[in-house]
Amino acid sequence: MFCPRCKAEYREGFSRCADCNVDLVPELSPEPEPSAEDVEYIDFIKIITFSSRHEAELAKGLLSINGINAVIFGDDAGGIQPGLSFSTGVQLLVKEEDIEKAERILHDAGHIT
């Protein structure tokens, strides 16, 4: 037996969920697959480009300890071949609402002048 609300499983003989106070069911319904409309996409905005993944990782760590989620995007093959002449650098991206705080933190740390 299962609670249709909290999904808790019960032994035989129980008929109501002790937590939700709803009738138990013999099987849970399969969870519907989320559609594209159900998915929330978060735009990340580039705030700085570094010449190496190492520099970007250091800045990302600095932002992380200050509560800002950052993403690194680069064309340097994951840092494997950072000396590639056609590399355009490694970008550090943050959510739009974190741009001002992130720029201030990176400026204070000397990453942005």
Protein backbone atom coordinates (compact mmCIF):
# COMPACT_ATOMS: atom_id res chain seq x y z
CA MET A 1 0.00 0.00 0.00
CA PHE A 2 1.21 3.51 -0.84
CA CYS A 3 0.28 7.07 -0.01
CA PRO A 4 -0.62 8.85 -3.27
CA ARG A 5 0.53 12.20 -1.84
CA CYS A 6 3.89 11.57 -0.09
CA LYS A 7 4.63 8.21 -1.81
CA ALA A 8 5.33 6.44 1.53
CA GLU A 9 4.99 2.67 1.47
CA TYR A 10 2.91 0.89 4.15
CA ARG A 11 2.60 -2.74 5.28
CA GLU A 12 -0.58 -4.72 4.73
CA GLY A 13 -3.37 -3.76 7.11
CA PHE A 14 -2.94 0.02 6.87
CA SER A 15 -5.55 2.04 5.00
CA ARG A 16 -4.60 5.72 5.65
CA CYS A 17 -1.34 7.64 5.56
CA ALA A 18 -0.32 8.67 9.05
CA ASP A 19 1.31 11.87 7.77
CA CYS A 20 -1.07 13.03 5.02
CA ASN A 21 -4.32 11.57 6.40
CA VAL A 22 -5.39 10.30 2.96
CA ASP A 23 -6.50 6.84 1.82
CA LEU A 24 -3.72 4.50 0.65
CA VAL A 25 -3.69 2.97 -2.82
CA PRO A 26 -2.37 -0.45 -3.85
CA GLU A 27 -0.05 1.02 -6.53
CA LEU A 28 1.36 4.43 -7.32
CA SER A 29 0.55 6.00 -10.66
CA PRO A 30 3.57 6.50 -12.88
CA GLU A 31 4.97 10.03 -12.76
CA PRO A 32 4.27 11.94 -15.97
CA GLU A 33 7.31 12.95 -18.00
CA PRO A 34 7.88 16.71 -17.86
CA SER A 35 7.14 18.52 -21.10
CA ALA A 36 9.19 21.33 -22.57
CA GLU A 37 6.67 23.80 -21.13
CA ASP A 38 7.27 22.42 -17.61
CA VAL A 39 11.02 22.98 -17.71
CA GLU A 40 12.34 26.30 -16.44
CA TYR A 41 15.41 27.48 -18.29
CA ILE A 42 17.88 29.82 -16.64
CA ASP A 43 19.86 32.19 -18.81
CA PHE A 44 23.48 32.66 -17.85
CA ILE A 45 25.25 35.83 -18.99
CA LYS A 46 28.98 36.14 -19.74
CA ILE A 47 30.68 38.54 -17.35
CA ILE A 48 34.35 37.94 -18.16
CA THR A 49 36.60 35.94 -20.50
CA PHE A 50 39.83 34.40 -19.23
CA SER A 51 42.77 33.17 -21.24
CA SER A 52 42.90 29.86 -19.33
CA ARG A 53 40.50 27.45 -17.65
CA HIS A 54 42.61 27.65 -14.48
CA GLU A 55 41.90 31.36 -14.08
CA ALA A 56 38.20 30.81 -14.76
CA GLU A 57 38.03 28.00 -12.18
CA LEU A 58 39.62 30.25 -9.54
CA ALA A 59 37.10 33.00 -10.23
CA LYS A 60 34.23 30.50 -10.21
CA GLY A 61 35.37 29.24 -6.80
CA LEU A 62 35.53 32.78 -5.47
CA LEU A 63 31.97 33.43 -6.64
CA SER A 64 30.80 30.11 -5.23
CA ILE A 65 32.03 30.86 -1.70
CA ASN A 66 30.11 34.13 -1.98
CA GLY A 67 26.87 32.34 -2.84
CA ILE A 68 26.87 32.89 -6.61
CA ASN A 69 26.35 29.99 -8.97
CA ALA A 70 28.64 30.34 -11.99
CA VAL A 71 29.23 28.30 -15.14
CA ILE A 72 32.39 28.02 -17.19
CA PHE A 73 32.19 27.82 -20.97
CA GLY A 74 35.26 27.48 -23.14
CA ASP A 75 36.61 26.13 -26.37
CA ASP A 76 39.92 24.97 -24.92
CA ALA A 77 38.98 21.26 -24.85
CA GLY A 78 38.40 21.31 -21.10
CA GLY A 79 41.83 22.74 -20.39
CA ILE A 80 43.58 19.86 -22.16
CA GLN A 81 45.07 22.07 -24.85
CA PRO A 82 44.95 25.63 -23.51
CA GLY A 83 47.63 26.80 -25.93
CA LEU A 84 45.54 26.35 -29.04
CA SER A 85 46.02 29.46 -31.16
CA PHE A 86 42.37 29.58 -32.28
CA SER A 87 41.00 29.54 -28.73
CA THR A 88 38.80 32.53 -27.94
CA GLY A 89 39.18 32.05 -24.20
CA VAL A 90 37.20 30.65 -21.33
CA GLN A 91 34.03 32.47 -20.38
CA LEU A 92 32.62 32.82 -16.87
CA LEU A 93 28.83 33.09 -16.83
CA VAL A 94 26.38 33.94 -14.03
CA LYS A 95 22.63 34.40 -13.70
CA GLU A 96 21.40 37.83 -14.72
CA GLU A 97 20.35 38.75 -11.17
CA ASP A 98 23.90 38.01 -9.92
CA ILE A 99 25.84 40.09 -12.46
CA GLU A 100 26.33 43.20 -10.32
CA LYS A 101 27.42 41.30 -7.19
CA ALA A 102 29.69 38.98 -9.21
CA GLU A 103 31.39 41.87 -10.99
CA ARG A 104 31.97 43.63 -7.67
CA ILE A 105 33.52 40.48 -6.14
CA LEU A 106 35.75 39.86 -9.16
CA HIS A 107 36.75 43.53 -9.28
CA ASP A 108 37.73 43.50 -5.60
CA ALA A 109 39.80 40.35 -6.22
CA GLY A 110 41.58 41.97 -9.16
CA HIS A 111 40.03 39.82 -11.91
CA ILE A 112 38.15 42.79 -13.42
CA THR A 113 39.73 46.21 -13.70
